[in-house]
Protein backbone atom coordinates (compact mmCIF):
# COMPACT_ATOMS: atom_id res chain seq x y z
CA MET A 1 105.98 62.43 147.64
CA ILE A 2 108.79 64.79 146.09
CA ALA A 3 109.15 68.48 146.19
CA VAL A 4 109.96 70.18 142.92
CA ALA A 5 111.39 73.67 142.32
CA ALA A 6 109.62 76.13 139.99
CA GLY A 7 110.99 75.46 136.46
CA THR A 8 111.40 71.78 136.90
CA VAL A 9 110.32 69.76 133.93
CA LEU A 10 108.52 66.64 135.04
CA LEU A 11 107.44 65.33 131.57
CA ALA A 12 109.17 66.53 128.35
CA GLU A 13 107.25 66.51 124.97
CA GLY A 14 108.87 64.06 122.80
CA THR A 15 110.06 61.66 125.59
CA LYS A 16 108.76 58.53 126.96
CA SER A 17 109.35 58.55 130.81
CA GLY A 18 106.70 55.81 131.83
CA ARG A 19 105.79 57.84 134.85
CA ILE A 20 102.61 59.29 136.14
CA TYR A 21 102.34 62.12 138.52
CA ILE A 22 99.60 63.26 140.73
CA LEU A 23 99.82 66.86 142.00
CA VAL A 24 99.59 67.39 145.74
CA GLU A 25 100.28 71.21 145.78
CA GLY A 26 101.44 73.78 143.77
CA THR A 27 101.00 75.06 140.15
CA LEU A 28 102.04 73.32 136.96
CA GLU A 29 102.14 74.63 133.39
CA VAL A 30 101.47 72.36 130.23
CA ALA A 31 102.83 73.49 126.92
CA ARG A 32 103.17 71.86 123.37
CA GLY A 33 106.13 73.39 121.71
CA ASP A 34 106.00 77.07 122.65
CA THR A 35 102.25 77.03 123.03
CA PRO A 36 100.82 77.13 126.43
CA ILE A 37 97.95 74.48 126.81
CA ALA A 38 96.77 74.64 130.49
CA VAL A 39 97.73 75.64 133.88
CA ILE A 40 97.15 72.92 136.62
CA ARG A 41 96.42 73.96 140.12
CA GLU A 42 93.81 71.25 141.50
CA PRO A 43 95.33 68.73 143.77
CA GLY A 44 94.72 65.19 142.57
CA SER A 45 95.26 66.25 139.04
CA ILE A 46 96.93 63.32 137.19
CA PHE A 47 99.49 63.78 134.26
CA GLY A 48 101.52 61.34 132.29
CA GLU A 49 98.68 58.98 131.89
CA MET A 50 98.24 59.44 127.95
CA SER A 51 101.60 58.44 127.26
CA ILE A 52 101.27 55.35 129.45
CA LEU A 53 97.73 54.50 128.06
CA LEU A 54 98.92 54.79 124.30
CA ASP A 55 102.47 53.62 124.94
CA SER A 56 103.57 56.73 123.12
CA LEU A 57 105.66 59.78 123.61
CA HIS A 58 104.62 62.56 125.93
CA THR A 59 102.52 64.99 123.56
CA ALA A 60 103.45 68.16 125.91
CA THR A 61 105.67 69.23 128.30
CA VAL A 62 104.89 69.72 131.96
CA ARG A 63 106.72 72.30 134.10
CA ALA A 64 106.46 73.35 137.71
CA ALA A 65 105.36 76.98 137.57
CA SER A 66 105.82 77.14 141.32
CA PRO A 67 107.48 75.15 143.98
CA ALA A 68 105.13 72.19 144.08
CA ILE A 69 104.89 68.56 145.75
CA VAL A 70 103.90 65.64 143.58
CA ARG A 71 103.49 61.92 143.84
CA GLU A 72 105.74 60.27 141.41
CA TYR A 73 104.91 56.68 140.09
CA ALA A 74 108.12 55.50 138.10
CA ASP A 75 106.16 52.59 136.51
CA GLY A 76 102.99 54.40 135.68
CA ALA A 77 101.47 51.10 133.91
CA GLU A 78 102.03 48.98 136.87
CA PHE A 79 100.43 51.60 139.03
CA LEU A 80 97.38 51.77 137.01
CA ARG A 81 97.01 47.87 136.82
CA SER A 82 97.64 47.72 140.68
CA ASP A 83 95.21 50.44 141.70
CA PRO A 84 91.94 50.01 140.15
CA ASP A 85 90.39 53.10 141.96
CA THR A 86 93.00 55.35 140.30
CA ALA A 87 92.42 53.75 136.97
CA LEU A 88 88.71 54.46 137.02
CA VAL A 89 89.60 58.16 137.97
CA VAL A 90 91.74 58.07 134.83
CA ALA A 91 89.09 56.70 132.79
CA ARG A 92 86.66 59.06 133.95
CA LEU A 93 89.07 61.99 133.28
CA LEU A 94 89.69 60.83 129.69
CA ALA A 95 85.87 60.38 129.26
CA GLN A 96 85.38 63.95 130.42
CA ARG A 97 87.88 65.22 128.15
CA LEU A 98 86.30 63.36 125.11
CA GLN A 99 82.85 64.80 126.08
CA ALA A 100 84.28 68.50 126.19
CA ALA A 101 85.91 67.78 122.70
CA THR A 102 82.72 66.54 121.46
CA THR A 103 80.54 69.29 122.80
CA TYR A 104 83.23 71.77 121.22
CA LEU A 105 83.01 69.82 117.69
CA VAL A 106 79.08 70.12 117.84
CA ASP A 107 79.37 73.80 118.58
CA LEU A 108 81.90 74.38 115.76
CA LYS A 109 79.65 72.55 113.39
CA ARG A 110 76.78 74.67 114.07
CA GLN A 111 78.61 77.71 113.90
CA TYR A 112 80.56 77.14 110.60
CA ALA A 113 78.10 74.87 108.71
CA GLY A 114 77.32 76.07 105.26
CA HIS A 115 79.66 78.96 105.59
CA GLY A 116 81.77 77.51 102.59
CA THR A 117 85.11 78.65 104.25
CA HIS A 118 88.10 76.68 105.63
CA LEU A 119 86.51 77.02 108.99
CA ALA A 120 83.55 74.72 107.81
CA MET A 121 86.17 72.00 107.35
CA VAL A 122 87.39 72.12 110.94
CA GLY A 123 84.30 70.26 112.22
CA GLU A 124 84.98 67.56 109.74
CA VAL A 125 88.48 67.11 110.64
CA LEU A 126 87.88 66.96 114.49
CA ALA A 127 85.09 64.50 113.91
CA SER A 128 87.27 62.14 112.16
CA LEU A 129 89.91 62.43 114.83
CA ILE A 130 87.36 61.96 117.64
CA ASN A 131 85.97 58.89 116.01
CA GLN A 132 89.17 57.35 114.78
CA GLN A 133 89.52 53.70 115.86
CA PRO A 134 92.46 52.31 117.72
CA GLY A 135 95.63 52.13 115.67
CA GLU A 136 98.68 54.53 115.10
CA PHE A 137 98.04 58.27 115.09
CA LEU A 138 100.38 60.55 113.45
CA PRO A 139 99.67 64.30 114.03
CA GLY A 140 99.93 66.72 111.42
CA SER A 141 99.48 66.13 107.62
CA GLU A 142 101.06 64.99 104.55
CA ARG A 143 101.87 68.52 103.35
CA GLN A 144 102.73 69.86 106.89
CA GLY A 145 104.27 68.28 109.93
CA ASP A 146 102.83 68.44 113.40
CA PRO A 147 102.06 71.97 113.93
CA GLY A 148 103.36 71.68 117.59
CA SER A 149 106.94 70.79 116.31
CA GLY A 150 109.44 73.56 115.74
């Protein structure tokens, strides 16, 4: 376990650390660019897993909002391979996130179906992302880069 001071960046957006962290106590903030995404306070929360599982850069910055204690696993992939119980927890977490995104998608489609505005297109875009098959994913569009980047 390691103690981190408020303001400490544990994962930096756009980098690849290979690390997984589990929150023991404290508060962490997640942001993409200048946009806050989440506040993590729940002991046992895992972060860094997406980068490990997708072998990609971190998609957000995780910073200690208060003094915190975390468990740090420098080789996150090896940690998941060696601990099937934790790997199952991560799989369930990701399934819950997908379920929440799918529920949100259905709600958006119901709200904006037939409105003929650009908002009606949001559901189609989200559906294509949620149902995308494995392969390289590039955020943003051809006409505009990733909206999270400066």
